[in-house]
Amino acid sequence: MDIGSKIRDKREDLDLSQREMAKLIPMNQSNYSKIERNLQEPSLEQLRRICEILNLDPRYLLDLGNAEFLSPADTKLLSDIKKFLQDHPVDSIR
């Protein structure tokens, strides 16, 4: 399953509209719709917010459940993402 479908399915499970999601991220609803349709990739910050709002593990969205296939560059990127998320905590949205 692609990233957009995973995000859409979880958003729908939580009974959130695209407009509500876009407002929480915050971003334009049209661009958010493009993420769900896989026409636009979210920025790192948008991805972080989406994961927080929907309570999703970024590894699930990025299909990184099995880290054995990761290159050293991929491992460094994941480490950088983890550090970024730790350094930029966000208060509870609800």
C-alpha atoms as a PDB file:
ATOM      1  CA  MET A   1       0.000   0.000   0.000  1.00  0.00           C
ATOM      2  CA  ASP A   2       1.333   3.470  -0.854  1.00  0.00           C
ATOM      3  CA  ILE A   3       1.872   6.348   1.591  1.00  0.00           C
ATOM      4  CA  GLY A   4      -1.157   8.334   0.454  1.00  0.00           C
ATOM      5  CA  SER A   5      -3.503   5.370   0.890  1.00  0.00           C
ATOM      6  CA  LYS A   6      -2.141   4.628   4.364  1.00  0.00           C
ATOM      7  CA  ILE A   7      -2.654   8.242   5.396  1.00  0.00           C
ATOM      8  CA  ARG A   8      -6.152   8.411   3.860  1.00  0.00           C
ATOM      9  CA  ASP A   9      -7.251   5.136   5.480  1.00  0.00           C
ATOM     10  CA  LYS A  10      -6.103   6.219   8.952  1.00  0.00           C
ATOM     11  CA  ARG A  11      -7.636   9.695   8.539  1.00  0.00           C
ATOM     12  CA  GLU A  12     -10.954   8.130   7.550  1.00  0.00           C
ATOM     13  CA  ASP A  13     -10.742   5.695  10.493  1.00  0.00           C
ATOM     14  CA  LEU A  14     -10.546   8.746  12.757  1.00  0.00           C
ATOM     15  CA  ASP A  15     -13.445  10.463  10.955  1.00  0.00           C
ATOM     16  CA  LEU A  16     -11.340  13.483  10.007  1.00  0.00           C
ATOM     17  CA  SER A  17     -11.944  15.374   6.789  1.00  0.00           C
ATOM     18  CA  GLN A  18      -9.146  16.445   4.485  1.00  0.00           C
ATOM     19  CA  ARG A  19      -9.942  20.032   5.425  1.00  0.00           C
ATOM     20  CA  GLU A  20      -9.543  19.229   9.142  1.00  0.00           C
ATOM     21  CA  MET A  21      -6.243  17.429   8.511  1.00  0.00           C
ATOM     22  CA  ALA A  22      -4.884  20.287   6.423  1.00  0.00           C
ATOM     23  CA  LYS A  23      -5.798  22.769   9.152  1.00  0.00           C
ATOM     24  CA  LEU A  24      -4.054  20.679  11.824  1.00  0.00           C
ATOM     25  CA  ILE A  25      -0.814  20.256   9.843  1.00  0.00           C
ATOM     26  CA  PRO A  26      -1.161  23.284   8.793  1.00  0.00           C
ATOM     27  CA  MET A  27      -1.204  23.341   5.020  1.00  0.00           C
ATOM     28  CA  ASN A  28      -3.451  24.037   2.069  1.00  0.00           C
ATOM     29  CA  GLN A  29      -6.261  21.455   1.702  1.00  0.00           C
ATOM     30  CA  SER A  30      -5.567  21.112  -2.020  1.00  0.00           C
ATOM     31  CA  ASN A  31      -1.938  20.183  -1.374  1.00  0.00           C
ATOM     32  CA  TYR A  32      -2.954  17.782   1.383  1.00  0.00           C
ATOM     33  CA  SER A  33      -5.283  16.072  -1.079  1.00  0.00           C
ATOM     34  CA  LYS A  34      -2.343  15.673  -3.462  1.00  0.00           C
ATOM     35  CA  ILE A  35      -0.397  13.852  -0.722  1.00  0.00           C
ATOM     36  CA  GLU A  36      -3.235  11.368  -0.250  1.00  0.00           C
ATOM     37  CA  ARG A  37      -3.412  10.857  -4.029  1.00  0.00           C
ATOM     38  CA  ASN A  38       0.385  10.417  -4.234  1.00  0.00           C
ATOM     39  CA  LEU A  39       0.745  13.427  -6.506  1.00  0.00           C
ATOM     40  CA  GLN A  40       2.900  15.305  -3.995  1.00  0.00           C
ATOM     41  CA  GLU A  41       5.325  14.104  -1.344  1.00  0.00           C
ATOM     42  CA  PRO A  42       5.009  15.638   2.108  1.00  0.00           C
ATOM     43  CA  SER A  43       7.891  17.640   3.479  1.00  0.00           C
ATOM     44  CA  LEU A  44       9.667  16.210   6.517  1.00  0.00           C
ATOM     45  CA  GLU A  45       7.750  18.595   8.789  1.00  0.00           C
ATOM     46  CA  GLN A  46       4.426  17.717   7.124  1.00  0.00           C
ATOM     47  CA  LEU A  47       5.204  14.022   7.489  1.00  0.00           C
ATOM     48  CA  ARG A  48       6.016  14.532  11.169  1.00  0.00           C
ATOM     49  CA  ARG A  49       2.720  16.353  11.773  1.00  0.00           C
ATOM     50  CA  ILE A  50       0.720  13.748   9.843  1.00  0.00           C
ATOM     51  CA  CYS A  51       2.253  10.990  11.958  1.00  0.00           C
ATOM     52  CA  GLU A  52       1.513  12.897  15.167  1.00  0.00           C
ATOM     53  CA  ILE A  53      -2.073  13.717  14.237  1.00  0.00           C
ATOM     54  CA  LEU A  54      -2.895  10.213  13.047  1.00  0.00           C
ATOM     55  CA  ASN A  55      -0.709   8.460  15.636  1.00  0.00           C
ATOM     56  CA  LEU A  56       1.212   6.648  12.901  1.00  0.00           C
ATOM     57  CA  ASP A  57       4.754   5.316  13.014  1.00  0.00           C
ATOM     58  CA  PRO A  58       6.775   6.911  10.173  1.00  0.00           C
ATOM     59  CA  ARG A  59       8.385   3.510   9.549  1.00  0.00           C
ATOM     60  CA  TYR A  60       4.944   2.141   8.669  1.00  0.00           C
ATOM     61  CA  LEU A  61       4.310   4.945   6.179  1.00  0.00           C
ATOM     62  CA  LEU A  62       7.734   4.534   4.623  1.00  0.00           C
ATOM     63  CA  ASP A  63       7.690   0.711   4.668  1.00  0.00           C
ATOM     64  CA  LEU A  64      10.744   0.609   6.919  1.00  0.00           C
ATOM     65  CA  GLY A  65       9.614  -2.190   9.204  1.00  0.00           C
ATOM     66  CA  ASN A  66      12.617  -4.335   8.285  1.00  0.00           C
ATOM     67  CA  ALA A  67      15.774  -2.227   8.564  1.00  0.00           C
ATOM     68  CA  GLU A  68      18.117  -4.965   7.277  1.00  0.00           C
ATOM     69  CA  PHE A  69      17.827  -3.687   3.706  1.00  0.00           C
ATOM     70  CA  LEU A  70      18.849  -0.124   4.594  1.00  0.00           C
ATOM     71  CA  SER A  71      22.053   1.327   3.226  1.00  0.00           C
ATOM     72  CA  PRO A  72      24.362   3.337   5.499  1.00  0.00           C
ATOM     73  CA  ALA A  73      22.943   6.534   3.943  1.00  0.00           C
ATOM     74  CA  ASP A  74      19.386   5.373   4.700  1.00  0.00           C
ATOM     75  CA  THR A  75      20.362   4.546   8.263  1.00  0.00           C
ATOM     76  CA  LYS A  76      21.899   8.017   8.681  1.00  0.00           C
ATOM     77  CA  LEU A  77      18.753   9.636   7.275  1.00  0.00           C
ATOM     78  CA  LEU A  78      16.581   7.717   9.732  1.00  0.00           C
ATOM     79  CA  SER A  79      18.877   8.722  12.561  1.00  0.00           C
ATOM     80  CA  ASP A  80      18.637  12.368  11.472  1.00  0.00           C
ATOM     81  CA  ILE A  81      14.839  12.119  11.298  1.00  0.00           C
ATOM     82  CA  LYS A  82      14.700  10.568  14.763  1.00  0.00           C
ATOM     83  CA  LYS A  83      16.906  13.328  16.178  1.00  0.00           C
ATOM     84  CA  PHE A  84      14.790  15.990  14.472  1.00  0.00           C
ATOM     85  CA  LEU A  85      11.603  14.530  15.950  1.00  0.00           C
ATOM     86  CA  GLN A  86      13.169  14.378  19.409  1.00  0.00           C
ATOM     87  CA  ASP A  87      14.455  17.955  19.163  1.00  0.00           C
ATOM     88  CA  HIS A  88      11.119  19.339  17.944  1.00  0.00           C
ATOM     89  CA  PRO A  89       8.382  17.924  20.180  1.00  0.00           C
ATOM     90  CA  VAL A  90       4.886  19.176  19.629  1.00  0.00           C
ATOM     91  CA  ASP A  91       2.261  19.583  22.320  1.00  0.00           C
ATOM     92  CA  SER A  92      -0.791  17.366  22.125  1.00  0.00           C
ATOM     93  CA  ILE A  93      -3.157  18.502  19.369  1.00  0.00           C
ATOM     94  CA  ARG A  94      -6.287  17.563  21.267  1.00  0.00           C
END
